[in-house]
Amino acid sequence: MFLSGMAKVTVFTVQATRTYNFVAGDLMIIPRNCGHYMENIGGETVEMLEIFKSPKFDEFSLNQWLAVTPPHLVQAHLNVSEEFTQALDKGKTPIRDGTVVP
């Protein structure tokens, strides 16, 4: 549940990648085992309440997740270049248009 601020949330499922915008008062349920990414898109801090139905919680970055996924799968499913996936392995930060920032 979003308590304050504005956020863009992208959810990665087997069927599709979807992006949604949220404001205070909105509620989102992310399906089990689906990767997701949240970005602050407003001028104030995003505050939210997260509830997990699991005794264990792990958090890691999207860059880490993509870096351990076989490169051919990342390229095929996200329509990105080989340069993009190589940058993940080298710890560089790729940006949305596929351009790699050193």
C-alpha atoms as a PDB file:
ATOM      1  CA  MET A   1       0.000   0.000   0.000  1.00  0.00           C
ATOM      2  CA  PHE A   2       1.389   3.380  -0.984  1.00  0.00           C
ATOM      3  CA  LEU A   3       1.288   5.884   1.873  1.00  0.00           C
ATOM      4  CA  SER A   4       2.855   8.948   0.223  1.00  0.00           C
ATOM      5  CA  GLY A   5       4.594  10.055  -2.954  1.00  0.00           C
ATOM      6  CA  MET A   6       4.283   8.846  -6.530  1.00  0.00           C
ATOM      7  CA  ALA A   7       5.893   5.658  -7.841  1.00  0.00           C
ATOM      8  CA  LYS A   8       6.212   3.789 -11.097  1.00  0.00           C
ATOM      9  CA  VAL A   9       6.256   0.004 -10.626  1.00  0.00           C
ATOM     10  CA  THR A  10       7.290  -2.477 -13.305  1.00  0.00           C
ATOM     11  CA  VAL A  11       6.432  -6.157 -12.802  1.00  0.00           C
ATOM     12  CA  PHE A  12       8.138  -8.938 -14.772  1.00  0.00           C
ATOM     13  CA  THR A  13       5.981 -12.029 -15.294  1.00  0.00           C
ATOM     14  CA  VAL A  14       6.344 -15.000 -17.608  1.00  0.00           C
ATOM     15  CA  GLN A  15       3.544 -13.624 -19.800  1.00  0.00           C
ATOM     16  CA  ALA A  16       4.504  -9.939 -19.970  1.00  0.00           C
ATOM     17  CA  THR A  17       6.235  -6.934 -18.458  1.00  0.00           C
ATOM     18  CA  ARG A  18       3.799  -4.322 -17.202  1.00  0.00           C
ATOM     19  CA  THR A  19       4.306  -0.852 -15.710  1.00  0.00           C
ATOM     20  CA  TYR A  20       1.873   1.000 -13.451  1.00  0.00           C
ATOM     21  CA  ASN A  21       1.847   4.385 -11.713  1.00  0.00           C
ATOM     22  CA  PHE A  22       0.803   4.673  -8.053  1.00  0.00           C
ATOM     23  CA  VAL A  23      -0.047   7.468  -5.621  1.00  0.00           C
ATOM     24  CA  ALA A  24      -0.873   7.557  -1.907  1.00  0.00           C
ATOM     25  CA  GLY A  25      -3.802   5.274  -1.098  1.00  0.00           C
ATOM     26  CA  ASP A  26      -3.195   2.861  -3.991  1.00  0.00           C
ATOM     27  CA  LEU A  27      -2.746  -0.840  -3.327  1.00  0.00           C
ATOM     28  CA  MET A  28      -0.751  -3.344  -5.375  1.00  0.00           C
ATOM     29  CA  ILE A  29      -0.386  -7.099  -5.116  1.00  0.00           C
ATOM     30  CA  ILE A  30       2.685  -8.509  -6.843  1.00  0.00           C
ATOM     31  CA  PRO A  31       2.318 -12.176  -7.814  1.00  0.00           C
ATOM     32  CA  ARG A  32       4.631 -14.651  -6.105  1.00  0.00           C
ATOM     33  CA  ASN A  33       8.039 -15.143  -7.758  1.00  0.00           C
ATOM     34  CA  CYS A  34       7.664 -12.122 -10.038  1.00  0.00           C
ATOM     35  CA  GLY A  35      10.498  -9.666 -10.272  1.00  0.00           C
ATOM     36  CA  HIS A  36       9.575  -6.033  -9.871  1.00  0.00           C
ATOM     37  CA  TYR A  37      11.150  -2.600  -9.862  1.00  0.00           C
ATOM     38  CA  MET A  38       9.936   0.592  -8.182  1.00  0.00           C
ATOM     39  CA  GLU A  39      10.954   4.126  -9.114  1.00  0.00           C
ATOM     40  CA  ASN A  40      10.100   7.413  -7.421  1.00  0.00           C
ATOM     41  CA  ILE A  41       8.480   9.634 -10.080  1.00  0.00           C
ATOM     42  CA  GLY A  42       7.416  12.515  -7.847  1.00  0.00           C
ATOM     43  CA  GLY A  43       8.945  15.313  -5.852  1.00  0.00           C
ATOM     44  CA  GLU A  44       8.551  13.703  -2.433  1.00  0.00           C
ATOM     45  CA  THR A  45       9.727  10.539  -0.718  1.00  0.00           C
ATOM     46  CA  VAL A  46       7.736   7.398  -1.510  1.00  0.00           C
ATOM     47  CA  GLU A  47       6.504   5.645   1.609  1.00  0.00           C
ATOM     48  CA  MET A  48       4.788   2.296   1.422  1.00  0.00           C
ATOM     49  CA  LEU A  49       3.735  -0.608   3.545  1.00  0.00           C
ATOM     50  CA  GLU A  50       4.883  -4.049   2.375  1.00  0.00           C
ATOM     51  CA  ILE A  51       3.449  -7.294   3.711  1.00  0.00           C
ATOM     52  CA  PHE A  52       4.991 -10.655   2.864  1.00  0.00           C
ATOM     53  CA  LYS A  53       3.520 -14.120   3.313  1.00  0.00           C
ATOM     54  CA  SER A  54       6.940 -15.635   3.787  1.00  0.00           C
ATOM     55  CA  PRO A  55       9.280 -16.053   6.745  1.00  0.00           C
ATOM     56  CA  LYS A  56      12.207 -15.115   4.456  1.00  0.00           C
ATOM     57  CA  PHE A  57      12.707 -11.918   2.469  1.00  0.00           C
ATOM     58  CA  ASP A  58      15.515 -11.280  -0.019  1.00  0.00           C
ATOM     59  CA  GLU A  59      16.131  -8.029  -1.844  1.00  0.00           C
ATOM     60  CA  PHE A  60      18.519  -7.506  -4.742  1.00  0.00           C
ATOM     61  CA  SER A  61      18.832  -5.018  -7.557  1.00  0.00           C
ATOM     62  CA  LEU A  62      17.439  -5.448 -11.045  1.00  0.00           C
ATOM     63  CA  ASN A  63      21.000  -5.170 -12.344  1.00  0.00           C
ATOM     64  CA  GLN A  64      22.042  -8.126 -10.135  1.00  0.00           C
ATOM     65  CA  TRP A  65      19.041 -10.161 -11.223  1.00  0.00           C
ATOM     66  CA  LEU A  66      19.695  -9.580 -14.924  1.00  0.00           C
ATOM     67  CA  ALA A  67      23.434 -10.194 -14.511  1.00  0.00           C
ATOM     68  CA  VAL A  68      22.844 -13.744 -13.248  1.00  0.00           C
ATOM     69  CA  THR A  69      20.260 -14.552 -15.932  1.00  0.00           C
ATOM     70  CA  PRO A  70      21.702 -16.194 -19.070  1.00  0.00           C
ATOM     71  CA  PRO A  71      22.533 -13.352 -21.497  1.00  0.00           C
ATOM     72  CA  HIS A  72      20.662 -14.899 -24.434  1.00  0.00           C
ATOM     73  CA  LEU A  73      17.455 -14.931 -22.372  1.00  0.00           C
ATOM     74  CA  VAL A  74      17.843 -11.293 -21.311  1.00  0.00           C
ATOM     75  CA  GLN A  75      18.499 -10.266 -24.929  1.00  0.00           C
ATOM     76  CA  ALA A  76      15.565 -12.247 -26.324  1.00  0.00           C
ATOM     77  CA  HIS A  77      12.975 -11.305 -23.726  1.00  0.00           C
ATOM     78  CA  LEU A  78      13.895  -7.671 -23.124  1.00  0.00           C
ATOM     79  CA  ASN A  79      14.964  -6.925 -26.706  1.00  0.00           C
ATOM     80  CA  VAL A  80      18.355  -5.525 -25.640  1.00  0.00           C
ATOM     81  CA  SER A  81      21.761  -5.728 -27.257  1.00  0.00           C
ATOM     82  CA  GLU A  82      24.694  -7.987 -26.452  1.00  0.00           C
ATOM     83  CA  GLU A  83      26.533  -4.841 -25.317  1.00  0.00           C
ATOM     84  CA  PHE A  84      23.791  -4.296 -22.739  1.00  0.00           C
ATOM     85  CA  THR A  85      24.156  -7.786 -21.243  1.00  0.00           C
ATOM     86  CA  GLN A  86      27.962  -7.569 -21.283  1.00  0.00           C
ATOM     87  CA  ALA A  87      27.731  -4.334 -19.299  1.00  0.00           C
ATOM     88  CA  LEU A  88      25.715  -6.128 -16.631  1.00  0.00           C
ATOM     89  CA  ASP A  89      28.533  -8.628 -16.132  1.00  0.00           C
ATOM     90  CA  LYS A  90      31.085  -5.831 -15.820  1.00  0.00           C
ATOM     91  CA  GLY A  91      29.054  -3.948 -13.223  1.00  0.00           C
ATOM     92  CA  LYS A  92      28.259  -1.031 -15.524  1.00  0.00           C
ATOM     93  CA  THR A  93      24.845   0.582 -15.325  1.00  0.00           C
ATOM     94  CA  PRO A  94      22.731   0.135 -18.465  1.00  0.00           C
ATOM     95  CA  ILE A  95      19.997   2.678 -19.174  1.00  0.00           C
ATOM     96  CA  ARG A  96      16.576   2.226 -20.757  1.00  0.00           C
ATOM     97  CA  ASP A  97      17.388   2.825 -24.414  1.00  0.00           C
ATOM     98  CA  GLY A  98      20.073   0.147 -24.354  1.00  0.00           C
ATOM     99  CA  THR A  99      22.919   2.652 -24.185  1.00  0.00           C
ATOM    100  CA  VAL A 100      25.579   1.622 -21.676  1.00  0.00           C
ATOM    101  CA  VAL A 101      26.956   4.112 -19.173  1.00  0.00           C
ATOM    102  CA  PRO A 102      30.477   3.286 -17.899  1.00  0.00           C
END
